[in-house]
C-alpha atoms as a PDB file:
ATOM      1  CA  MET A   1       0.000   0.000   0.000  1.00  0.00           C
ATOM      2  CA  LEU A   2       1.121   3.528  -0.724  1.00  0.00           C
ATOM      3  CA  SER A   3       2.403   5.419   2.285  1.00  0.00           C
ATOM      4  CA  PRO A   4       0.298   8.469   3.215  1.00  0.00           C
ATOM      5  CA  THR A   5       3.442  10.585   2.988  1.00  0.00           C
ATOM      6  CA  ALA A   6       4.713   9.090  -0.266  1.00  0.00           C
ATOM      7  CA  VAL A   7       6.301  11.509  -2.668  1.00  0.00           C
ATOM      8  CA  MET A   8       5.302  11.414  -6.317  1.00  0.00           C
ATOM      9  CA  TYR A   9       7.947  12.221  -8.846  1.00  0.00           C
ATOM     10  CA  GLU A  10       7.290  14.059 -12.093  1.00  0.00           C
ATOM     11  CA  ASP A  11       7.461  10.873 -14.162  1.00  0.00           C
ATOM     12  CA  GLU A  12       4.880   9.148 -11.955  1.00  0.00           C
ATOM     13  CA  VAL A  13       2.513  12.113 -12.121  1.00  0.00           C
ATOM     14  CA  ARG A  14       2.961  12.187 -15.916  1.00  0.00           C
ATOM     15  CA  ARG A  15       2.108   8.472 -16.176  1.00  0.00           C
ATOM     16  CA  ILE A  16      -0.975   8.917 -13.982  1.00  0.00           C
ATOM     17  CA  GLN A  17      -2.050  11.870 -16.140  1.00  0.00           C
ATOM     18  CA  GLU A  18      -1.637   9.757 -19.281  1.00  0.00           C
ATOM     19  CA  VAL A  19      -3.922   7.074 -17.833  1.00  0.00           C
ATOM     20  CA  ALA A  20      -6.531   9.726 -16.952  1.00  0.00           C
ATOM     21  CA  ASP A  21      -6.310  11.285 -20.420  1.00  0.00           C
ATOM     22  CA  GLN A  22      -6.681   7.913 -22.137  1.00  0.00           C
ATOM     23  CA  LEU A  23      -9.617   6.937 -19.903  1.00  0.00           C
ATOM     24  CA  ALA A  24     -11.412  10.157 -20.815  1.00  0.00           C
ATOM     25  CA  VAL A  25     -11.077   9.308 -24.510  1.00  0.00           C
ATOM     26  CA  ASP A  26     -11.799   5.563 -24.243  1.00  0.00           C
ATOM     27  CA  SER A  27     -14.859   5.920 -22.000  1.00  0.00           C
ATOM     28  CA  ARG A  28     -16.200   9.082 -23.683  1.00  0.00           C
ATOM     29  CA  ALA A  29     -16.495  10.574 -20.188  1.00  0.00           C
ATOM     30  CA  ARG A  30     -16.757  14.292 -19.526  1.00  0.00           C
ATOM     31  CA  THR A  31     -14.204  14.434 -16.742  1.00  0.00           C
ATOM     32  CA  ILE A  32     -11.712  12.149 -15.019  1.00  0.00           C
ATOM     33  CA  LEU A  33     -10.199  12.950 -11.628  1.00  0.00           C
ATOM     34  CA  VAL A  34      -7.536  10.999  -9.761  1.00  0.00           C
ATOM     35  CA  VAL A  35      -7.762  11.982  -6.101  1.00  0.00           C
ATOM     36  CA  ASP A  36      -6.049  10.665  -2.997  1.00  0.00           C
ATOM     37  CA  LYS A  37      -8.167   9.689  -0.006  1.00  0.00           C
ATOM     38  CA  ASN A  38      -7.159  12.936   1.712  1.00  0.00           C
ATOM     39  CA  GLY A  39      -8.932  14.882  -1.038  1.00  0.00           C
ATOM     40  CA  GLN A  40      -5.833  16.058  -2.908  1.00  0.00           C
ATOM     41  CA  LEU A  41      -6.187  16.153  -6.685  1.00  0.00           C
ATOM     42  CA  ILE A  42      -3.409  14.197  -8.405  1.00  0.00           C
ATOM     43  CA  ALA A  43      -4.552  14.348 -12.046  1.00  0.00           C
ATOM     44  CA  ALA A  44      -7.512  15.619 -14.067  1.00  0.00           C
ATOM     45  CA  ALA A  45      -8.599  15.054 -17.650  1.00  0.00           C
ATOM     46  CA  GLY A  46     -11.439  15.982 -19.949  1.00  0.00           C
ATOM     47  CA  ASN A  47     -13.526  19.011 -18.984  1.00  0.00           C
ATOM     48  CA  ALA A  48     -12.022  19.332 -15.497  1.00  0.00           C
ATOM     49  CA  HIS A  49     -11.256  23.018 -16.139  1.00  0.00           C
ATOM     50  CA  GLU A  50     -15.031  23.658 -16.026  1.00  0.00           C
ATOM     51  CA  LEU A  51     -15.297  22.375 -12.445  1.00  0.00           C
ATOM     52  CA  ASP A  52     -14.173  23.390  -8.990  1.00  0.00           C
ATOM     53  CA  THR A  53     -11.875  20.376  -8.773  1.00  0.00           C
ATOM     54  CA  THR A  54     -10.595  21.327  -5.316  1.00  0.00           C
ATOM     55  CA  SER A  55     -14.076  21.189  -3.784  1.00  0.00           C
ATOM     56  CA  LEU A  56     -15.081  18.156  -5.813  1.00  0.00           C
ATOM     57  CA  SER A  57     -11.940  16.262  -4.767  1.00  0.00           C
ATOM     58  CA  SER A  58     -12.585  17.015  -1.098  1.00  0.00           C
ATOM     59  CA  LEU A  59     -16.235  16.010  -1.347  1.00  0.00           C
ATOM     60  CA  VAL A  60     -15.394  12.776  -3.163  1.00  0.00           C
ATOM     61  CA  ALA A  61     -12.875  11.886  -0.447  1.00  0.00           C
ATOM     62  CA  GLY A  62     -15.486  12.656   2.220  1.00  0.00           C
ATOM     63  CA  ASN A  63     -18.027  10.504   0.407  1.00  0.00           C
ATOM     64  CA  VAL A  64     -15.593   7.583   0.244  1.00  0.00           C
ATOM     65  CA  ALA A  65     -14.781   8.012   3.945  1.00  0.00           C
ATOM     66  CA  ALA A  66     -18.486   8.048   4.839  1.00  0.00           C
ATOM     67  CA  THR A  67     -19.261   4.952   2.806  1.00  0.00           C
ATOM     68  CA  GLY A  68     -16.203   3.331   4.386  1.00  0.00           C
ATOM     69  CA  GLY A  69     -17.950   3.824   7.716  1.00  0.00           C
ATOM     70  CA  ILE A  70     -21.064   2.141   6.335  1.00  0.00           C
ATOM     71  CA  ALA A  71     -18.936  -0.745   5.057  1.00  0.00           C
ATOM     72  CA  LYS A  72     -17.456  -1.296   8.517  1.00  0.00           C
ATOM     73  CA  LEU A  73     -20.901  -1.276  10.121  1.00  0.00           C
ATOM     74  CA  ILE A  74     -22.025  -4.087   7.845  1.00  0.00           C
ATOM     75  CA  GLU A  75     -18.696  -5.896   8.259  1.00  0.00           C
ATOM     76  CA  GLU A  76     -17.344  -5.191   4.792  1.00  0.00           C
ATOM     77  CA  GLU A  77     -13.729  -4.173   4.418  1.00  0.00           C
ATOM     78  CA  GLU A  78     -14.414  -1.390   1.927  1.00  0.00           C
ATOM     79  CA  PHE A  79     -16.674  -0.550  -1.000  1.00  0.00           C
ATOM     80  CA  THR A  80     -14.326  -0.497  -3.958  1.00  0.00           C
ATOM     81  CA  GLY A  81     -16.820   1.115  -6.299  1.00  0.00           C
ATOM     82  CA  GLN A  82     -19.739   3.528  -6.198  1.00  0.00           C
ATOM     83  CA  PHE A  83     -22.159   4.828  -8.783  1.00  0.00           C
ATOM     84  CA  HIS A  84     -24.349   7.938  -8.521  1.00  0.00           C
ATOM     85  CA  GLU A  85     -26.854   8.473 -11.304  1.00  0.00           C
ATOM     86  CA  GLY A  86     -28.038  11.976 -12.070  1.00  0.00           C
ATOM     87  CA  LYS A  87     -30.405  13.421 -14.640  1.00  0.00           C
ATOM     88  CA  GLY A  88     -27.610  14.897 -16.728  1.00  0.00           C
ATOM     89  CA  ILE A  89     -24.347  13.695 -15.233  1.00  0.00           C
ATOM     90  CA  SER A  90     -23.529  10.478 -13.431  1.00  0.00           C
ATOM     91  CA  VAL A  91     -20.514   9.662 -11.265  1.00  0.00           C
ATOM     92  CA  HIS A  92     -18.545   6.444 -11.098  1.00  0.00           C
ATOM     93  CA  LEU A  93     -16.026   6.155  -8.224  1.00  0.00           C
ATOM     94  CA  SER A  94     -13.421   3.415  -7.859  1.00  0.00           C
ATOM     95  CA  ILE A  95     -10.834   2.838  -5.155  1.00  0.00           C
ATOM     96  CA  VAL A  96      -7.368   2.150  -6.572  1.00  0.00           C
ATOM     97  CA  ALA A  97      -4.528   0.665  -4.523  1.00  0.00           C
ATOM     98  CA  ARG A  98      -6.559   1.303  -1.339  1.00  0.00           C
ATOM     99  CA  ARG A  99      -5.337   4.927  -1.390  1.00  0.00           C
ATOM    100  CA  ILE A 100      -6.577   6.593  -4.559  1.00  0.00           C
ATOM    101  CA  ILE A 101     -10.048   7.442  -5.862  1.00  0.00           C
ATOM    102  CA  LEU A 102     -10.675   7.340  -9.595  1.00  0.00           C
ATOM    103  CA  VAL A 103     -13.621   9.608 -10.415  1.00  0.00           C
ATOM    104  CA  VAL A 104     -15.409   9.447 -13.754  1.00  0.00           C
ATOM    105  CA  LEU A 105     -18.085  12.023 -14.571  1.00  0.00           C
ATOM    106  CA  PHE A 106     -20.121  11.086 -17.614  1.00  0.00           C
ATOM    107  CA  ASP A 107     -23.315  12.028 -19.408  1.00  0.00           C
ATOM    108  CA  LYS A 108     -25.634  10.490 -22.000  1.00  0.00           C
ATOM    109  CA  ASN A 109     -22.813  10.398 -24.596  1.00  0.00           C
ATOM    110  CA  THR A 110     -21.657   7.124 -23.046  1.00  0.00           C
ATOM    111  CA  THR A 111     -23.014   4.295 -20.916  1.00  0.00           C
ATOM    112  CA  HIS A 112     -22.229   3.122 -17.429  1.00  0.00           C
ATOM    113  CA  GLY A 113     -21.250  -0.249 -18.916  1.00  0.00           C
ATOM    114  CA  LEU A 114     -18.616   1.310 -21.169  1.00  0.00           C
ATOM    115  CA  VAL A 115     -17.324   3.421 -18.293  1.00  0.00           C
ATOM    116  CA  ARG A 116     -16.994   0.356 -16.051  1.00  0.00           C
ATOM    117  CA  LEU A 117     -15.206  -1.588 -18.788  1.00  0.00           C
ATOM    118  CA  ARG A 118     -12.695   1.195 -19.459  1.00  0.00           C
ATOM    119  CA  VAL A 119     -12.229   1.906 -15.740  1.00  0.00           C
ATOM    120  CA  ARG A 120     -11.091  -1.688 -15.172  1.00  0.00           C
ATOM    121  CA  LYS A 121      -8.240  -1.205 -17.643  1.00  0.00           C
ATOM    122  CA  ALA A 122      -7.298   2.159 -16.119  1.00  0.00           C
ATOM    123  CA  ILE A 123      -7.295   0.657 -12.616  1.00  0.00           C
ATOM    124  CA  GLU A 124      -4.839  -2.034 -13.736  1.00  0.00           C
ATOM    125  CA  GLN A 125      -2.524   0.624 -15.127  1.00  0.00           C
ATOM    126  CA  LEU A 126      -2.817   2.853 -12.047  1.00  0.00           C
ATOM    127  CA  GLU A 127      -2.286  -0.057  -9.655  1.00  0.00           C
ATOM    128  CA  LYS A 128       0.947  -0.869 -11.486  1.00  0.00           C
ATOM    129  CA  ILE A 129       2.153   2.730 -11.089  1.00  0.00           C
ATOM    130  CA  PHE A 130       1.269   2.838  -7.386  1.00  0.00           C
ATOM    131  CA  ALA A 131       2.815  -0.590  -6.756  1.00  0.00           C
ATOM    132  CA  GLU A 132       6.058   0.664  -8.292  1.00  0.00           C
ATOM    133  CA  MET A 133       5.882   3.752  -6.092  1.00  0.00           C
ATOM    134  CA  ALA A 134       5.376   1.620  -2.986  1.00  0.00           C
ATOM    135  CA  GLN A 135       8.416  -0.503  -3.891  1.00  0.00           C
ATOM    136  CA  ARG A 136      10.652   2.497  -4.431  1.00  0.00           C
ATOM    137  CA  PRO A 137      13.043   3.071  -1.532  1.00  0.00           C
ATOM    138  CA  GLN A 138      11.776   5.966   0.544  1.00  0.00           C
ATOM    139  CA  GLN A 139      14.136   8.840   1.156  1.00  0.00           C
ATOM    140  CA  PRO A 140      14.660   9.512   4.856  1.00  0.00           C
ATOM    141  CA  GLN A 141      12.877  12.648   5.977  1.00  0.00           C
ATOM    142  CA  VAL A 142      15.185  15.348   7.283  1.00  0.00           C
ATOM    143  CA  ASN A 143      14.016  16.826  10.569  1.00  0.00           C
ATOM    144  CA  VAL A 144      14.326  20.561   9.965  1.00  0.00           C
ATOM    145  CA  PHE A 145      13.697  21.261  13.648  1.00  0.00           C
ATOM    146  CA  ALA A 146      16.505  19.056  14.993  1.00  0.00           C
ATOM    147  CA  GLU A 147      18.972  21.919  15.249  1.00  0.00           C
ATOM    148  CA  ILE A 148      16.584  24.328  17.001  1.00  0.00           C
ATOM    149  CA  THR A 149      17.103  24.582  20.741  1.00  0.00           C
ATOM    150  CA  ASP A 150      14.882  25.965  23.485  1.00  0.00           C
ATOM    151  CA  ALA A 151      17.254  28.928  23.681  1.00  0.00           C
ATOM    152  CA  ASP A 152      16.674  29.622  19.966  1.00  0.00           C
ATOM    153  CA  ILE A 153      12.928  29.664  20.537  1.00  0.00           C
ATOM    154  CA  ASP A 154      13.271  31.951  23.568  1.00  0.00           C
ATOM    155  CA  ASN A 155      15.482  34.324  21.563  1.00  0.00           C
ATOM    156  CA  LEU A 156      12.942  34.380  18.761  1.00  0.00           C
ATOM    157  CA  PHE A 157      10.156  35.641  21.033  1.00  0.00           C
ATOM    158  CA  ASN A 158      12.282  37.876  23.284  1.00  0.00           C
ATOM    159  CA  ASP A 159      13.554  40.210  20.573  1.00  0.00           C
END
């Protein structure tokens, strides 16, 4: 599983973006978002520029967290997929690598069946990317506060 503090390098973000772009084309979806479970947008494709992706990413993460609570109450580990049907736009959510949410917004120009089919392929590709990230040796985090003493803090506020 991907560490919550994992760092994504430019190449990994580019590969994730390519998967999102291809999914938008293959599924004929309006918008694709790749969001972490903390609500941070990782990649967006399609008509994402027309949306408030920051708010949508946060709300999607909250929705997944809430349904995770429902899953636990009924003794399920997690719901790996969700579907919300609207009059004009529908939403398909999938959990990838237990850490990432793949969001597909689509309208009447496609079908839920086609979206599900294309999402399966995208999930395989994304899981490979995130598995590689998890296997990569993590760089030790430098503690920037290690050299600060109590005297330094006192001097900071006594000037």
